[in-house]
């Protein structure tokens, strides 16, 4: 029982710290043309100089993070990635990606709404966040119903 309460307290503290640290949204802001390291930004790069606060436009829409990946059909078949802040969402409050293809490039545009979410694809990170959420709910439910 004491162990379960300690685990619940730790989980609650982590969750509360995430809520209380809600400053301006931070997104990775870079492009591979100017900085090749922009291609492989990961969620672990929390101290990266590429992770910057988005500008809040007074009276304007809330910013979100975006990532655009371009596959150019030029002579070298290069790939370009641009990460940054956005203010005109494709669909309101929906983290998603959509494709926009033309004769000379394939383009994949993604939008998301949490700090540093515009990283390279990491299915393991998504799994981790879902797992933590499930454990928090299960631990809370158990604490409520066993008392």
Protein backbone atom coordinates (compact mmCIF):
# COMPACT_ATOMS: atom_id res chain seq x y z
CA UNK A 1 0.00 0.00 0.00
CA UNK A 2 2.81 2.41 0.91
CA UNK A 3 4.61 1.57 -2.36
CA UNK A 4 1.44 2.17 -4.40
CA UNK A 5 0.92 5.55 -2.74
CA UNK A 6 4.52 6.51 -3.50
CA UNK A 7 4.10 5.56 -7.15
CA UNK A 8 0.85 7.53 -7.37
CA UNK A 9 2.49 10.55 -5.75
CA UNK A 10 5.40 10.45 -8.20
CA UNK A 11 3.09 10.08 -11.20
CA UNK A 12 0.88 12.91 -9.97
CA UNK A 13 3.94 15.13 -9.39
CA UNK A 14 5.26 14.50 -12.89
CA UNK A 15 1.86 15.21 -14.41
CA UNK A 16 1.44 18.37 -12.34
CA UNK A 17 4.91 19.64 -13.28
CA UNK A 18 4.03 19.20 -16.96
CA UNK A 19 0.91 21.31 -16.47
CA UNK A 20 2.60 24.01 -14.38
CA UNK A 21 5.49 24.40 -16.82
CA UNK A 22 3.16 25.42 -19.64
CA UNK A 23 4.98 28.50 -20.88
CA UNK A 24 5.09 29.51 -24.51
CA UNK A 25 5.08 26.61 -26.94
CA UNK A 26 8.55 25.43 -27.96
CA UNK A 27 9.18 23.92 -31.37
CA UNK A 28 12.30 22.83 -33.19
CA UNK A 29 13.09 25.59 -35.67
CA UNK A 30 15.52 24.73 -38.45
CA UNK A 31 15.87 23.52 -42.02
CA UNK A 32 18.25 21.03 -43.60
CA UNK A 33 19.40 23.50 -46.25
CA UNK A 34 21.06 25.65 -43.58
CA UNK A 35 21.66 22.94 -40.96
CA UNK A 36 21.91 19.25 -41.98
CA UNK A 37 21.45 18.23 -38.31
CA UNK A 38 17.82 19.32 -38.67
CA UNK A 39 17.09 16.04 -40.48
CA UNK A 40 17.56 13.84 -37.38
CA UNK A 41 16.19 15.92 -34.48
CA UNK A 42 14.81 13.62 -31.76
CA UNK A 43 12.65 14.04 -28.67
CA UNK A 44 15.78 13.62 -26.52
CA UNK A 45 17.23 16.89 -27.91
CA UNK A 46 15.52 19.00 -25.21
CA UNK A 47 18.63 21.16 -24.67
CA UNK A 48 19.19 21.74 -28.38
CA UNK A 49 19.60 25.35 -29.54
CA UNK A 50 17.13 24.38 -32.28
CA UNK A 51 14.30 24.12 -29.70
CA UNK A 52 12.94 27.66 -29.42
CA UNK A 53 9.82 29.39 -28.14
CA UNK A 54 7.22 30.27 -30.75
CA UNK A 55 6.28 33.91 -31.08
CA UNK A 56 2.86 34.70 -29.66
CA UNK A 57 1.02 37.09 -31.96
CA UNK A 58 -1.09 39.49 -29.84
CA UNK A 59 -4.75 38.86 -30.64
CA UNK A 60 -3.72 36.20 -33.12
CA UNK A 61 -4.08 32.44 -33.22
CA UNK A 62 -2.19 30.14 -30.88
CA UNK A 63 1.02 28.81 -32.43
CA UNK A 64 1.60 25.13 -33.15
CA UNK A 65 4.61 23.10 -34.28
CA UNK A 66 5.01 22.01 -37.85
CA UNK A 67 7.32 19.81 -39.87
CA UNK A 68 7.52 19.83 -43.65
CA UNK A 69 9.41 17.14 -45.54
CA UNK A 70 10.09 17.63 -49.24
CA UNK A 71 11.39 14.95 -51.59
CA UNK A 72 12.63 16.85 -54.61
CA UNK A 73 12.59 15.15 -58.00
CA UNK A 74 15.70 16.97 -59.13
CA UNK A 75 18.89 15.43 -60.44
CA UNK A 76 20.02 14.32 -56.96
CA UNK A 77 16.66 13.24 -55.44
CA UNK A 78 17.43 15.21 -52.28
CA UNK A 79 15.20 15.45 -49.22
CA UNK A 80 14.67 18.70 -47.36
CA UNK A 81 13.11 19.09 -43.91
CA UNK A 82 11.84 22.31 -42.41
CA UNK A 83 10.73 22.50 -38.76
CA UNK A 84 9.20 25.52 -37.11
CA UNK A 85 6.17 27.27 -35.67
CA UNK A 86 2.93 27.76 -37.52
CA UNK A 87 -0.16 29.88 -37.00
CA UNK A 88 -2.60 28.68 -39.69
CA UNK A 89 -3.64 25.10 -38.91
CA UNK A 90 -4.80 22.61 -41.52
CA UNK A 91 -7.42 21.17 -39.13
CA UNK A 92 -8.13 22.74 -35.76
CA UNK A 93 -6.43 21.03 -32.77
CA UNK A 94 -5.71 17.83 -34.68
CA UNK A 95 -2.19 16.45 -34.76
CA UNK A 96 -1.89 15.07 -38.22
CA UNK A 97 0.12 14.82 -41.39
CA UNK A 98 -1.10 15.32 -44.91
CA UNK A 99 0.52 14.98 -48.32
CA UNK A 100 0.76 17.56 -51.08
CA UNK A 101 2.39 16.11 -54.20
CA UNK A 102 3.27 17.92 -57.42
CA UNK A 103 5.15 17.02 -60.59
CA UNK A 104 8.49 18.05 -59.12
CA UNK A 105 8.23 17.12 -55.42
CA UNK A 106 6.48 15.01 -52.81
CA UNK A 107 5.60 17.01 -49.74
CA UNK A 108 4.49 15.78 -46.31
CA UNK A 109 3.26 18.42 -43.88
CA UNK A 110 2.69 17.65 -40.20
CA UNK A 111 1.25 19.73 -37.37
CA UNK A 112 1.25 19.07 -33.62
CA UNK A 113 0.54 21.02 -30.47
CA UNK A 114 3.03 20.12 -27.69
CA UNK A 115 6.58 21.23 -26.90
CA UNK A 116 9.16 19.71 -29.24
CA UNK A 117 6.64 17.50 -31.02
CA UNK A 118 7.98 18.27 -34.52
CA UNK A 119 10.81 15.74 -34.30
CA UNK A 120 11.77 12.88 -36.59
CA UNK A 121 9.23 10.06 -36.46
CA UNK A 122 9.55 8.07 -33.24
CA UNK A 123 6.86 5.42 -32.78
CA UNK A 124 8.49 4.37 -29.51
CA UNK A 125 7.93 7.83 -28.03
CA UNK A 126 4.23 7.67 -28.89
CA UNK A 127 4.00 4.22 -27.29
CA UNK A 128 5.75 5.52 -24.15
CA UNK A 129 3.33 8.43 -23.73
CA UNK A 130 0.30 6.18 -24.21
CA UNK A 131 1.69 3.66 -21.71
CA UNK A 132 2.35 6.35 -19.08
CA UNK A 133 -1.19 7.68 -19.56
CA UNK A 134 -2.69 4.23 -19.10
CA UNK A 135 -0.61 3.60 -15.96
CA UNK A 136 -1.65 6.94 -14.45
CA UNK A 137 -5.34 6.21 -15.06
CA UNK A 138 -5.05 2.65 -13.69
CA UNK A 139 -3.13 3.80 -10.62
CA UNK A 140 -5.60 6.58 -9.90
CA UNK A 141 -8.60 4.28 -10.34
CA UNK A 142 -7.05 1.68 -8.07
CA UNK A 143 -6.32 4.27 -5.39
CA UNK A 144 -9.87 5.61 -5.55
CA UNK A 145 -11.63 2.25 -5.45
CA UNK A 146 -9.45 0.57 -2.79
CA UNK A 147 -10.01 3.26 -0.17
